Amino acid sequence: YFLRHGQSVASRESLFCGAATDAPLTAEG
C-alpha cells in the first residue's frame, strides 16, 4: 500500500517540496 503523506505546509501552498524540505503536516494533514 503506497500512501502519500497527509497535507503538509508546503503542499497546502503548492510549493516545490522535495527531499531537502522537511515540511511538517498541517492540522488537516
mmCIF file of all heavy atoms, coordinates in Angstrom:
data_MODEL
# 
_entry.id   MODEL 
# 
loop_
_atom_site.group_PDB 
_atom_site.id 
_atom_site.type_symbol 
_atom_site.label_atom_id 
_atom_site.label_alt_id 
_atom_site.label_comp_id 
_atom_site.label_asym_id 
_atom_site.label_entity_id 
_atom_site.label_seq_id 
_atom_site.pdbx_PDB_ins_code 
_atom_site.Cartn_x 
_atom_site.Cartn_y 
_atom_site.Cartn_z 
_atom_site.occupancy 
_atom_site.B_iso_or_equiv 
_atom_site.pdbx_formal_charge 
_atom_site.auth_seq_id 
_atom_site.auth_comp_id 
_atom_site.auth_asym_id 
_atom_site.auth_atom_id 
_atom_site.pdbx_PDB_model_num 
ATOM 1   N N   . TYR A 1 1  ? 0.863  -1.183 0.000  1.00 0.00 ? 1  TYR A N   1 
ATOM 2   C CA  . TYR A 1 1  ? 0.000  0.000  0.000  1.00 0.00 ? 1  TYR A CA  1 
ATOM 3   C C   . TYR A 1 1  ? 0.900  1.233  0.000  1.00 0.00 ? 1  TYR A C   1 
ATOM 4   O O   . TYR A 1 1  ? 1.601  1.492  0.986  1.00 0.00 ? 1  TYR A O   1 
ATOM 5   C CB  . TYR A 1 1  ? -0.897 0.003  1.233  1.00 0.00 ? 1  TYR A CB  1 
ATOM 6   C CG  . TYR A 1 1  ? -1.924 -1.099 1.264  1.00 0.00 ? 1  TYR A CG  1 
ATOM 7   C CD1 . TYR A 1 1  ? -1.535 -2.432 1.443  1.00 0.00 ? 1  TYR A CD1 1 
ATOM 8   C CD2 . TYR A 1 1  ? -3.276 -0.821 1.124  1.00 0.00 ? 1  TYR A CD2 1 
ATOM 9   C CE1 . TYR A 1 1  ? -2.472 -3.460 1.478  1.00 0.00 ? 1  TYR A CE1 1 
ATOM 10  C CE2 . TYR A 1 1  ? -4.222 -1.841 1.162  1.00 0.00 ? 1  TYR A CE2 1 
ATOM 11  C CZ  . TYR A 1 1  ? -3.813 -3.148 1.335  1.00 0.00 ? 1  TYR A CZ  1 
ATOM 12  O OH  . TYR A 1 1  ? -4.750 -4.157 1.365  1.00 0.00 ? 1  TYR A OH  1 
ATOM 13  N N   . PHE A 1 2  ? 0.898  1.966  -1.101 1.00 0.00 ? 2  PHE A N   1 
ATOM 14  C CA  . PHE A 1 2  ? 1.742  3.154  -1.220 1.00 0.00 ? 2  PHE A CA  1 
ATOM 15  C C   . PHE A 1 2  ? 0.891  4.384  -0.872 1.00 0.00 ? 2  PHE A C   1 
ATOM 16  O O   . PHE A 1 2  ? 0.049  4.821  -1.661 1.00 0.00 ? 2  PHE A O   1 
ATOM 17  C CB  . PHE A 1 2  ? 2.298  3.276  -2.633 1.00 0.00 ? 2  PHE A CB  1 
ATOM 18  C CG  . PHE A 1 2  ? 3.200  2.138  -3.030 1.00 0.00 ? 2  PHE A CG  1 
ATOM 19  C CD1 . PHE A 1 2  ? 2.731  1.104  -3.824 1.00 0.00 ? 2  PHE A CD1 1 
ATOM 20  C CD2 . PHE A 1 2  ? 4.508  2.093  -2.583 1.00 0.00 ? 2  PHE A CD2 1 
ATOM 21  C CE1 . PHE A 1 2  ? 3.557  0.054  -4.190 1.00 0.00 ? 2  PHE A CE1 1 
ATOM 22  C CE2 . PHE A 1 2  ? 5.345  1.041  -2.938 1.00 0.00 ? 2  PHE A CE2 1 
ATOM 23  C CZ  . PHE A 1 2  ? 4.870  0.020  -3.736 1.00 0.00 ? 2  PHE A CZ  1 
ATOM 24  N N   . LEU A 1 3  ? 1.123  4.919  0.310  1.00 0.00 ? 3  LEU A N   1 
ATOM 25  C CA  . LEU A 1 3  ? 0.337  6.036  0.826  1.00 0.00 ? 3  LEU A CA  1 
ATOM 26  C C   . LEU A 1 3  ? 1.146  7.323  0.728  1.00 0.00 ? 3  LEU A C   1 
ATOM 27  O O   . LEU A 1 3  ? 2.257  7.410  1.255  1.00 0.00 ? 3  LEU A O   1 
ATOM 28  C CB  . LEU A 1 3  ? -0.039 5.765  2.290  1.00 0.00 ? 3  LEU A CB  1 
ATOM 29  C CG  . LEU A 1 3  ? -0.770 6.875  3.044  1.00 0.00 ? 3  LEU A CG  1 
ATOM 30  C CD1 . LEU A 1 3  ? -2.158 7.137  2.442  1.00 0.00 ? 3  LEU A CD1 1 
ATOM 31  C CD2 . LEU A 1 3  ? -0.879 6.518  4.531  1.00 0.00 ? 3  LEU A CD2 1 
ATOM 32  N N   . ARG A 1 4  ? 0.576  8.314  0.064  1.00 0.00 ? 4  ARG A N   1 
ATOM 33  C CA  . ARG A 1 4  ? 1.217  9.629  0.110  1.00 0.00 ? 4  ARG A CA  1 
ATOM 34  C C   . ARG A 1 4  ? 0.887  10.271 1.457  1.00 0.00 ? 4  ARG A C   1 
ATOM 35  O O   . ARG A 1 4  ? -0.212 10.105 1.989  1.00 0.00 ? 4  ARG A O   1 
ATOM 36  C CB  . ARG A 1 4  ? 0.721  10.526 -1.021 1.00 0.00 ? 4  ARG A CB  1 
ATOM 37  C CG  . ARG A 1 4  ? 1.488  11.861 -1.066 1.00 0.00 ? 4  ARG A CG  1 
ATOM 38  C CD  . ARG A 1 4  ? 0.941  12.833 -2.081 1.00 0.00 ? 4  ARG A CD  1 
ATOM 39  N NE  . ARG A 1 4  ? 1.589  14.128 -1.928 1.00 0.00 ? 4  ARG A NE  1 
ATOM 40  C CZ  . ARG A 1 4  ? 1.161  15.259 -2.463 1.00 0.00 ? 4  ARG A CZ  1 
ATOM 41  N NH1 . ARG A 1 4  ? 0.051  15.275 -3.195 1.00 0.00 ? 4  ARG A NH1 1 
ATOM 42  N NH2 . ARG A 1 4  ? 1.819  16.393 -2.266 1.00 0.00 ? 4  ARG A NH2 1 
ATOM 43  N N   . HIS A 1 5  ? 1.849  10.999 2.001  1.00 0.00 ? 5  HIS A N   1 
ATOM 44  C CA  . HIS A 1 5  ? 1.647  11.670 3.284  1.00 0.00 ? 5  HIS A CA  1 
ATOM 45  C C   . HIS A 1 5  ? 0.452  12.622 3.237  1.00 0.00 ? 5  HIS A C   1 
ATOM 46  O O   . HIS A 1 5  ? -0.011 13.046 2.176  1.00 0.00 ? 5  HIS A O   1 
ATOM 47  C CB  . HIS A 1 5  ? 2.910  12.453 3.660  1.00 0.00 ? 5  HIS A CB  1 
ATOM 48  C CG  . HIS A 1 5  ? 3.272  13.513 2.653  1.00 0.00 ? 5  HIS A CG  1 
ATOM 49  N ND1 . HIS A 1 5  ? 2.649  14.747 2.599  1.00 0.00 ? 5  HIS A ND1 1 
ATOM 50  C CD2 . HIS A 1 5  ? 4.181  13.503 1.642  1.00 0.00 ? 5  HIS A CD2 1 
ATOM 51  C CE1 . HIS A 1 5  ? 3.159  15.460 1.632  1.00 0.00 ? 5  HIS A CE1 1 
ATOM 52  N NE2 . HIS A 1 5  ? 4.086  14.730 1.018  1.00 0.00 ? 5  HIS A NE2 1 
ATOM 53  N N   . GLY A 1 6  ? -0.041 12.985 4.425  1.00 0.00 ? 6  GLY A N   1 
ATOM 54  C CA  . GLY A 1 6  ? -1.117 13.948 4.525  1.00 0.00 ? 6  GLY A CA  1 
ATOM 55  C C   . GLY A 1 6  ? -0.662 15.348 4.124  1.00 0.00 ? 6  GLY A C   1 
ATOM 56  O O   . GLY A 1 6  ? 0.528  15.597 3.878  1.00 0.00 ? 6  GLY A O   1 
ATOM 57  N N   . GLN A 1 7  ? -1.627 16.257 4.092  1.00 0.00 ? 7  GLN A N   1 
ATOM 58  C CA  . GLN A 1 7  ? -1.301 17.627 3.677  1.00 0.00 ? 7  GLN A CA  1 
ATOM 59  C C   . GLN A 1 7  ? -0.186 18.213 4.551  1.00 0.00 ? 7  GLN A C   1 
ATOM 60  O O   . GLN A 1 7  ? -0.209 18.114 5.777  1.00 0.00 ? 7  GLN A O   1 
ATOM 61  C CB  . GLN A 1 7  ? -2.534 18.524 3.789  1.00 0.00 ? 7  GLN A CB  1 
ATOM 62  C CG  . GLN A 1 7  ? -2.286 19.932 3.253  1.00 0.00 ? 7  GLN A CG  1 
ATOM 63  C CD  . GLN A 1 7  ? -3.353 20.923 3.689  1.00 0.00 ? 7  GLN A CD  1 
ATOM 64  O OE1 . GLN A 1 7  ? -3.550 21.161 4.880  1.00 0.00 ? 7  GLN A OE1 1 
ATOM 65  N NE2 . GLN A 1 7  ? -4.064 21.486 2.728  1.00 0.00 ? 7  GLN A NE2 1 
ATOM 66  N N   . SER A 1 8  ? 0.804  18.802 3.892  1.00 0.00 ? 8  SER A N   1 
ATOM 67  C CA  . SER A 1 8  ? 1.882  19.488 4.595  1.00 0.00 ? 8  SER A CA  1 
ATOM 68  C C   . SER A 1 8  ? 1.739  20.994 4.382  1.00 0.00 ? 8  SER A C   1 
ATOM 69  O O   . SER A 1 8  ? 0.941  21.456 3.557  1.00 0.00 ? 8  SER A O   1 
ATOM 70  C CB  . SER A 1 8  ? 3.250  19.023 4.077  1.00 0.00 ? 8  SER A CB  1 
ATOM 71  O OG  . SER A 1 8  ? 3.480  19.520 2.767  1.00 0.00 ? 8  SER A OG  1 
ATOM 72  N N   . VAL A 1 9  ? 2.524  21.731 5.137  1.00 0.00 ? 9  VAL A N   1 
ATOM 73  C CA  . VAL A 1 9  ? 2.521  23.185 4.980  1.00 0.00 ? 9  VAL A CA  1 
ATOM 74  C C   . VAL A 1 9  ? 2.873  23.558 3.544  1.00 0.00 ? 9  VAL A C   1 
ATOM 75  O O   . VAL A 1 9  ? 2.288  24.484 2.958  1.00 0.00 ? 9  VAL A O   1 
ATOM 76  C CB  . VAL A 1 9  ? 3.510  23.821 5.975  1.00 0.00 ? 9  VAL A CB  1 
ATOM 77  C CG1 . VAL A 1 9  ? 3.670  25.308 5.707  1.00 0.00 ? 9  VAL A CG1 1 
ATOM 78  C CG2 . VAL A 1 9  ? 3.052  23.580 7.405  1.00 0.00 ? 9  VAL A CG2 1 
ATOM 79  N N   . ALA A 1 10 ? 3.805  22.828 2.933  1.00 0.00 ? 10 ALA A N   1 
ATOM 80  C CA  . ALA A 1 10 ? 4.235  23.149 1.575  1.00 0.00 ? 10 ALA A CA  1 
ATOM 81  C C   . ALA A 1 10 ? 3.212  22.717 0.522  1.00 0.00 ? 10 ALA A C   1 
ATOM 82  O O   . ALA A 1 10 ? 2.963  23.441 -0.446 1.00 0.00 ? 10 ALA A O   1 
ATOM 83  C CB  . ALA A 1 10 ? 5.582  22.497 1.283  1.00 0.00 ? 10 ALA A CB  1 
ATOM 84  N N   . SER A 1 11 ? 2.615  21.528 0.693  1.00 0.00 ? 11 SER A N   1 
ATOM 85  C CA  . SER A 1 11 ? 1.629  21.088 -0.303 1.00 0.00 ? 11 SER A CA  1 
ATOM 86  C C   . SER A 1 11 ? 0.385  21.974 -0.260 1.00 0.00 ? 11 SER A C   1 
ATOM 87  O O   . SER A 1 11 ? -0.266 22.198 -1.281 1.00 0.00 ? 11 SER A O   1 
ATOM 88  C CB  . SER A 1 11 ? 1.250  19.617 -0.092 1.00 0.00 ? 11 SER A CB  1 
ATOM 89  O OG  . SER A 1 11 ? 0.564  19.421 1.127  1.00 0.00 ? 11 SER A OG  1 
ATOM 90  N N   . ARG A 1 12 ? 0.065  22.508 0.916  1.00 0.00 ? 12 ARG A N   1 
ATOM 91  C CA  . ARG A 1 12 ? -1.072 23.427 1.025  1.00 0.00 ? 12 ARG A CA  1 
ATOM 92  C C   . ARG A 1 12 ? -0.869 24.661 0.147  1.00 0.00 ? 12 ARG A C   1 
ATOM 93  O O   . ARG A 1 12 ? -1.818 25.174 -0.452 1.00 0.00 ? 12 ARG A O   1 
ATOM 94  C CB  . ARG A 1 12 ? -1.254 23.852 2.486  1.00 0.00 ? 12 ARG A CB  1 
ATOM 95  C CG  . ARG A 1 12 ? -2.422 24.809 2.723  1.00 0.00 ? 12 ARG A CG  1 
ATOM 96  C CD  . ARG A 1 12 ? -2.500 25.186 4.183  1.00 0.00 ? 12 ARG A CD  1 
ATOM 97  N NE  . ARG A 1 12 ? -1.272 25.853 4.621  1.00 0.00 ? 12 ARG A NE  1 
ATOM 98  C CZ  . ARG A 1 12 ? -0.938 26.009 5.901  1.00 0.00 ? 12 ARG A CZ  1 
ATOM 99  N NH1 . ARG A 1 12 ? -1.711 25.543 6.860  1.00 0.00 ? 12 ARG A NH1 1 
ATOM 100 N NH2 . ARG A 1 12 ? 0.191  26.638 6.233  1.00 0.00 ? 12 ARG A NH2 1 
ATOM 101 N N   . GLU A 1 13 ? 0.385  25.100 0.048  1.00 0.00 ? 13 GLU A N   1 
ATOM 102 C CA  . GLU A 1 13 ? 0.700  26.290 -0.744 1.00 0.00 ? 13 GLU A CA  1 
ATOM 103 C C   . GLU A 1 13 ? 1.168  25.953 -2.160 1.00 0.00 ? 13 GLU A C   1 
ATOM 104 O O   . GLU A 1 13 ? 1.565  26.845 -2.904 1.00 0.00 ? 13 GLU A O   1 
ATOM 105 C CB  . GLU A 1 13 ? 1.790  27.103 -0.029 1.00 0.00 ? 13 GLU A CB  1 
ATOM 106 C CG  . GLU A 1 13 ? 1.462  27.474 1.410  1.00 0.00 ? 13 GLU A CG  1 
ATOM 107 C CD  . GLU A 1 13 ? 0.205  28.312 1.531  1.00 0.00 ? 13 GLU A CD  1 
ATOM 108 O OE1 . GLU A 1 13 ? -0.078 29.086 0.599  1.00 0.00 ? 13 GLU A OE1 1 
ATOM 109 O OE2 . GLU A 1 13 ? -0.501 28.184 2.551  1.00 0.00 ? 13 GLU A OE2 1 
ATOM 110 N N   . SER A 1 14 ? 1.126  24.665 -2.528 1.00 0.00 ? 14 SER A N   1 
ATOM 111 C CA  . SER A 1 14 ? 1.556  24.199 -3.853 1.00 0.00 ? 14 SER A CA  1 
ATOM 112 C C   . SER A 1 14 ? 2.993  24.616 -4.167 1.00 0.00 ? 14 SER A C   1 
ATOM 113 O O   . SER A 1 14 ? 3.311  25.081 -5.265 1.00 0.00 ? 14 SER A O   1 
ATOM 114 C CB  . SER A 1 14 ? 0.604  24.707 -4.941 1.00 0.00 ? 14 SER A CB  1 
ATOM 115 O OG  . SER A 1 14 ? -0.687 24.179 -4.759 1.00 0.00 ? 14 SER A OG  1 
ATOM 116 N N   . LEU A 1 15 ? 3.886  24.415 -3.198 1.00 0.00 ? 15 LEU A N   1 
ATOM 117 C CA  . LEU A 1 15 ? 5.302  24.715 -3.369 1.00 0.00 ? 15 LEU A CA  1 
ATOM 118 C C   . LEU A 1 15 ? 6.066  23.455 -3.757 1.00 0.00 ? 15 LEU A C   1 
ATOM 119 O O   . LEU A 1 15 ? 5.642  22.339 -3.464 1.00 0.00 ? 15 LEU A O   1 
ATOM 120 C CB  . LEU A 1 15 ? 5.886  25.271 -2.063 1.00 0.00 ? 15 LEU A CB  1 
ATOM 121 C CG  . LEU A 1 15 ? 5.218  26.514 -1.489 1.00 0.00 ? 15 LEU A CG  1 
ATOM 122 C CD1 . LEU A 1 15 ? 5.891  26.904 -0.178 1.00 0.00 ? 15 LEU A CD1 1 
ATOM 123 C CD2 . LEU A 1 15 ? 5.237  27.673 -2.478 1.00 0.00 ? 15 LEU A CD2 1 
ATOM 124 N N   . PHE A 1 16 ? 7.206  23.629 -4.408 1.00 0.00 ? 16 PHE A N   1 
ATOM 125 C CA  . PHE A 1 16 ? 8.101  22.506 -4.675 1.00 0.00 ? 16 PHE A CA  1 
ATOM 126 C C   . PHE A 1 16 ? 8.708  22.069 -3.339 1.00 0.00 ? 16 PHE A C   1 
ATOM 127 O O   . PHE A 1 16 ? 9.472  22.805 -2.718 1.00 0.00 ? 16 PHE A O   1 
ATOM 128 C CB  . PHE A 1 16 ? 9.201  22.902 -5.659 1.00 0.00 ? 16 PHE A CB  1 
ATOM 129 C CG  . PHE A 1 16 ? 8.739  23.004 -7.084 1.00 0.00 ? 16 PHE A CG  1 
ATOM 130 C CD1 . PHE A 1 16 ? 8.400  24.226 -7.634 1.00 0.00 ? 16 PHE A CD1 1 
ATOM 131 C CD2 . PHE A 1 16 ? 8.635  21.869 -7.872 1.00 0.00 ? 16 PHE A CD2 1 
ATOM 132 C CE1 . PHE A 1 16 ? 7.972  24.324 -8.954 1.00 0.00 ? 16 PHE A CE1 1 
ATOM 133 C CE2 . PHE A 1 16 ? 8.208  21.945 -9.194 1.00 0.00 ? 16 PHE A CE2 1 
ATOM 134 C CZ  . PHE A 1 16 ? 7.871  23.182 -9.733 1.00 0.00 ? 16 PHE A CZ  1 
ATOM 135 N N   . CYS A 1 17 ? 8.354  20.894 -2.916 1.00 0.00 ? 17 CYS A N   1 
ATOM 136 C CA  . CYS A 1 17 ? 8.739  20.401 -1.594 1.00 0.00 ? 17 CYS A CA  1 
ATOM 137 C C   . CYS A 1 17 ? 9.359  19.031 -1.769 1.00 0.00 ? 17 CYS A C   1 
ATOM 138 O O   . CYS A 1 17 ? 8.665  18.018 -1.823 1.00 0.00 ? 17 CYS A O   1 
ATOM 139 C CB  . CYS A 1 17 ? 7.513  20.347 -0.691 1.00 0.00 ? 17 CYS A CB  1 
ATOM 140 S SG  . CYS A 1 17 ? 7.841  19.810 0.992  1.00 0.00 ? 17 CYS A SG  1 
ATOM 141 N N   . GLY A 1 18 ? 10.679 18.988 -1.880 1.00 0.00 ? 18 GLY A N   1 
ATOM 142 C CA  . GLY A 1 18 ? 11.348 17.748 -2.218 1.00 0.00 ? 18 GLY A CA  1 
ATOM 143 C C   . GLY A 1 18 ? 12.143 17.147 -1.079 1.00 0.00 ? 18 GLY A C   1 
ATOM 144 O O   . GLY A 1 18 ? 11.832 17.327 0.106  1.00 0.00 ? 18 GLY A O   1 
ATOM 145 N N   . ALA A 1 19 ? 13.207 16.461 -1.441 1.00 0.00 ? 19 ALA A N   1 
ATOM 146 C CA  . ALA A 1 19 ? 13.995 15.709 -0.468 1.00 0.00 ? 19 ALA A CA  1 
ATOM 147 C C   . ALA A 1 19 ? 14.666 16.601 0.564  1.00 0.00 ? 19 ALA A C   1 
ATOM 148 O O   . ALA A 1 19 ? 14.933 16.170 1.687  1.00 0.00 ? 19 ALA A O   1 
ATOM 149 C CB  . ALA A 1 19 ? 15.040 14.874 -1.195 1.00 0.00 ? 19 ALA A CB  1 
ATOM 150 N N   . ALA A 1 20 ? 14.947 17.854 0.206  1.00 0.00 ? 20 ALA A N   1 
ATOM 151 C CA  . ALA A 1 20 ? 15.667 18.752 1.118  1.00 0.00 ? 20 ALA A CA  1 
ATOM 152 C C   . ALA A 1 20 ? 14.741 19.615 1.964  1.00 0.00 ? 20 ALA A C   1 
ATOM 153 O O   . ALA A 1 20 ? 15.213 20.423 2.756  1.00 0.00 ? 20 ALA A O   1 
ATOM 154 C CB  . ALA A 1 20 ? 16.613 19.650 0.321  1.00 0.00 ? 20 ALA A CB  1 
ATOM 155 N N   . THR A 1 21 ? 13.430 19.466 1.799  1.00 0.00 ? 21 THR A N   1 
ATOM 156 C CA  . THR A 1 21 ? 12.464 20.279 2.536  1.00 0.00 ? 21 THR A CA  1 
ATOM 157 C C   . THR A 1 21 ? 11.680 19.379 3.484  1.00 0.00 ? 21 THR A C   1 
ATOM 158 O O   . THR A 1 21 ? 10.904 18.534 3.043  1.00 0.00 ? 21 THR A O   1 
ATOM 159 C CB  . THR A 1 21 ? 11.495 20.994 1.573  1.00 0.00 ? 21 THR A CB  1 
ATOM 160 O OG1 . THR A 1 21 ? 12.246 21.775 0.644  1.00 0.00 ? 21 THR A OG1 1 
ATOM 161 C CG2 . THR A 1 21 ? 10.554 21.906 2.346  1.00 0.00 ? 21 THR A CG2 1 
ATOM 162 N N   . ASP A 1 22 ? 11.880 19.565 4.772  1.00 0.00 ? 22 ASP A N   1 
ATOM 163 C CA  . ASP A 1 22 ? 11.242 18.690 5.762  1.00 0.00 ? 22 ASP A CA  1 
ATOM 164 C C   . ASP A 1 22 ? 10.003 19.383 6.331  1.00 0.00 ? 22 ASP A C   1 
ATOM 165 O O   . ASP A 1 22 ? 9.935  19.723 7.515  1.00 0.00 ? 22 ASP A O   1 
ATOM 166 C CB  . ASP A 1 22 ? 12.231 18.341 6.868  1.00 0.00 ? 22 ASP A CB  1 
ATOM 167 C CG  . ASP A 1 22 ? 11.840 17.070 7.606  1.00 0.00 ? 22 ASP A CG  1 
ATOM 168 O OD1 . ASP A 1 22 ? 11.002 16.310 7.076  1.00 0.00 ? 22 ASP A OD1 1 
ATOM 169 O OD2 . ASP A 1 22 ? 12.366 16.841 8.712  1.00 0.00 ? 22 ASP A OD2 1 
ATOM 170 N N   . ALA A 1 23 ? 9.020  19.587 5.476  1.00 0.00 ? 23 ALA A N   1 
ATOM 171 C CA  . ALA A 1 23 ? 7.822  20.325 5.859  1.00 0.00 ? 23 ALA A CA  1 
ATOM 172 C C   . ALA A 1 23 ? 6.956  19.497 6.807  1.00 0.00 ? 23 ALA A C   1 
ATOM 173 O O   . ALA A 1 23 ? 6.761  18.305 6.585  1.00 0.00 ? 23 ALA A O   1 
ATOM 174 C CB  . ALA A 1 23 ? 7.017  20.695 4.614  1.00 0.00 ? 23 ALA A CB  1 
ATOM 175 N N   . PRO A 1 24 ? 6.414  20.123 7.850  1.00 0.00 ? 24 PRO A N   1 
ATOM 176 C CA  . PRO A 1 24 ? 5.527  19.393 8.769  1.00 0.00 ? 24 PRO A CA  1 
ATOM 177 C C   . PRO A 1 24 ? 4.125  19.245 8.190  1.00 0.00 ? 24 PRO A C   1 
ATOM 178 O O   . PRO A 1 24 ? 3.737  19.962 7.249  1.00 0.00 ? 24 PRO A O   1 
ATOM 179 C CB  . PRO A 1 24 ? 5.500  20.293 10.008 1.00 0.00 ? 24 PRO A CB  1 
ATOM 180 C CG  . PRO A 1 24 ? 5.692  21.674 9.454  1.00 0.00 ? 24 PRO A CG  1 
ATOM 181 C CD  . PRO A 1 24 ? 6.635  21.519 8.285  1.00 0.00 ? 24 PRO A CD  1 
ATOM 182 N N   . LEU A 1 25 ? 3.365  18.341 8.764  1.00 0.00 ? 25 LEU A N   1 
ATOM 183 C CA  . LEU A 1 25 ? 1.956  18.230 8.418  1.00 0.00 ? 25 LEU A CA  1 
ATOM 184 C C   . LEU A 1 25 ? 1.181  19.412 8.980  1.00 0.00 ? 25 LEU A C   1 
ATOM 185 O O   . LEU A 1 25 ? 1.527  19.967 10.026 1.00 0.00 ? 25 LEU A O   1 
ATOM 186 C CB  . LEU A 1 25 ? 1.363  16.941 8.985  1.00 0.00 ? 25 LEU A CB  1 
ATOM 187 C CG  . LEU A 1 25 ? 1.880  15.606 8.448  1.00 0.00 ? 25 LEU A CG  1 
ATOM 188 C CD1 . LEU A 1 25 ? 1.152  14.461 9.153  1.00 0.00 ? 25 LEU A CD1 1 
ATOM 189 C CD2 . LEU A 1 25 ? 1.710  15.499 6.941  1.00 0.00 ? 25 LEU A CD2 1 
ATOM 190 N N   . THR A 1 26 ? 0.105  19.786 8.291  1.00 0.00 ? 26 THR A N   1 
ATOM 191 C CA  . THR A 1 26 ? -0.856 20.725 8.846  1.00 0.00 ? 26 THR A CA  1 
ATOM 192 C C   . THR A 1 26 ? -1.798 19.964 9.786  1.00 0.00 ? 26 THR A C   1 
ATOM 193 O O   . THR A 1 26 ? -1.756 18.729 9.873  1.00 0.00 ? 26 THR A O   1 
ATOM 194 C CB  . THR A 1 26 ? -1.684 21.364 7.728  1.00 0.00 ? 26 THR A CB  1 
ATOM 195 O OG1 . THR A 1 26 ? -2.420 20.324 7.057  1.00 0.00 ? 26 THR A OG1 1 
ATOM 196 C CG2 . THR A 1 26 ? -0.794 22.083 6.714  1.00 0.00 ? 26 THR A CG2 1 
ATOM 197 N N   . ALA A 1 27 ? -2.672 20.696 10.446 1.00 0.00 ? 27 ALA A N   1 
ATOM 198 C CA  . ALA A 1 27 ? -3.688 20.031 11.274 1.00 0.00 ? 27 ALA A CA  1 
ATOM 199 C C   . ALA A 1 27 ? -4.554 19.118 10.415 1.00 0.00 ? 27 ALA A C   1 
ATOM 200 O O   . ALA A 1 27 ? -4.930 18.015 10.833 1.00 0.00 ? 27 ALA A O   1 
ATOM 201 C CB  . ALA A 1 27 ? -4.541 21.077 11.983 1.00 0.00 ? 27 ALA A CB  1 
ATOM 202 N N   . GLU A 1 28 ? -4.845 19.561 9.197  1.00 0.00 ? 28 GLU A N   1 
ATOM 203 C CA  . GLU A 1 28 ? -5.632 18.730 8.283  1.00 0.00 ? 28 GLU A CA  1 
ATOM 204 C C   . GLU A 1 28 ? -4.836 17.501 7.859  1.00 0.00 ? 28 GLU A C   1 
ATOM 205 O O   . GLU A 1 28 ? -5.405 16.415 7.682  1.00 0.00 ? 28 GLU A O   1 
ATOM 206 C CB  . GLU A 1 28 ? -6.052 19.550 7.060  1.00 0.00 ? 28 GLU A CB  1 
ATOM 207 C CG  . GLU A 1 28 ? -7.055 20.653 7.334  1.00 0.00 ? 28 GLU A CG  1 
ATOM 208 C CD  . GLU A 1 28 ? -6.415 21.924 7.897  1.00 0.00 ? 28 GLU A CD  1 
ATOM 209 O OE1 . GLU A 1 28 ? -5.166 21.996 7.996  1.00 0.00 ? 28 GLU A OE1 1 
ATOM 210 O OE2 . GLU A 1 28 ? -7.179 22.851 8.241  1.00 0.00 ? 28 GLU A OE2 1 
ATOM 211 N N   . GLY A 1 29 ? -3.519 17.651 7.699  1.00 0.00 ? 29 GLY A N   1 
ATOM 212 C CA  . GLY A 1 29 ? -2.684 16.509 7.376  1.00 0.00 ? 29 GLY A CA  1 
ATOM 213 C C   . GLY A 1 29 ? -2.680 15.464 8.484  1.00 0.00 ? 29 GLY A C   1 
ATOM 214 O O   . GLY A 1 29 ? -2.720 14.254 8.222  1.00 0.00 ? 29 GLY A O   1 
# 
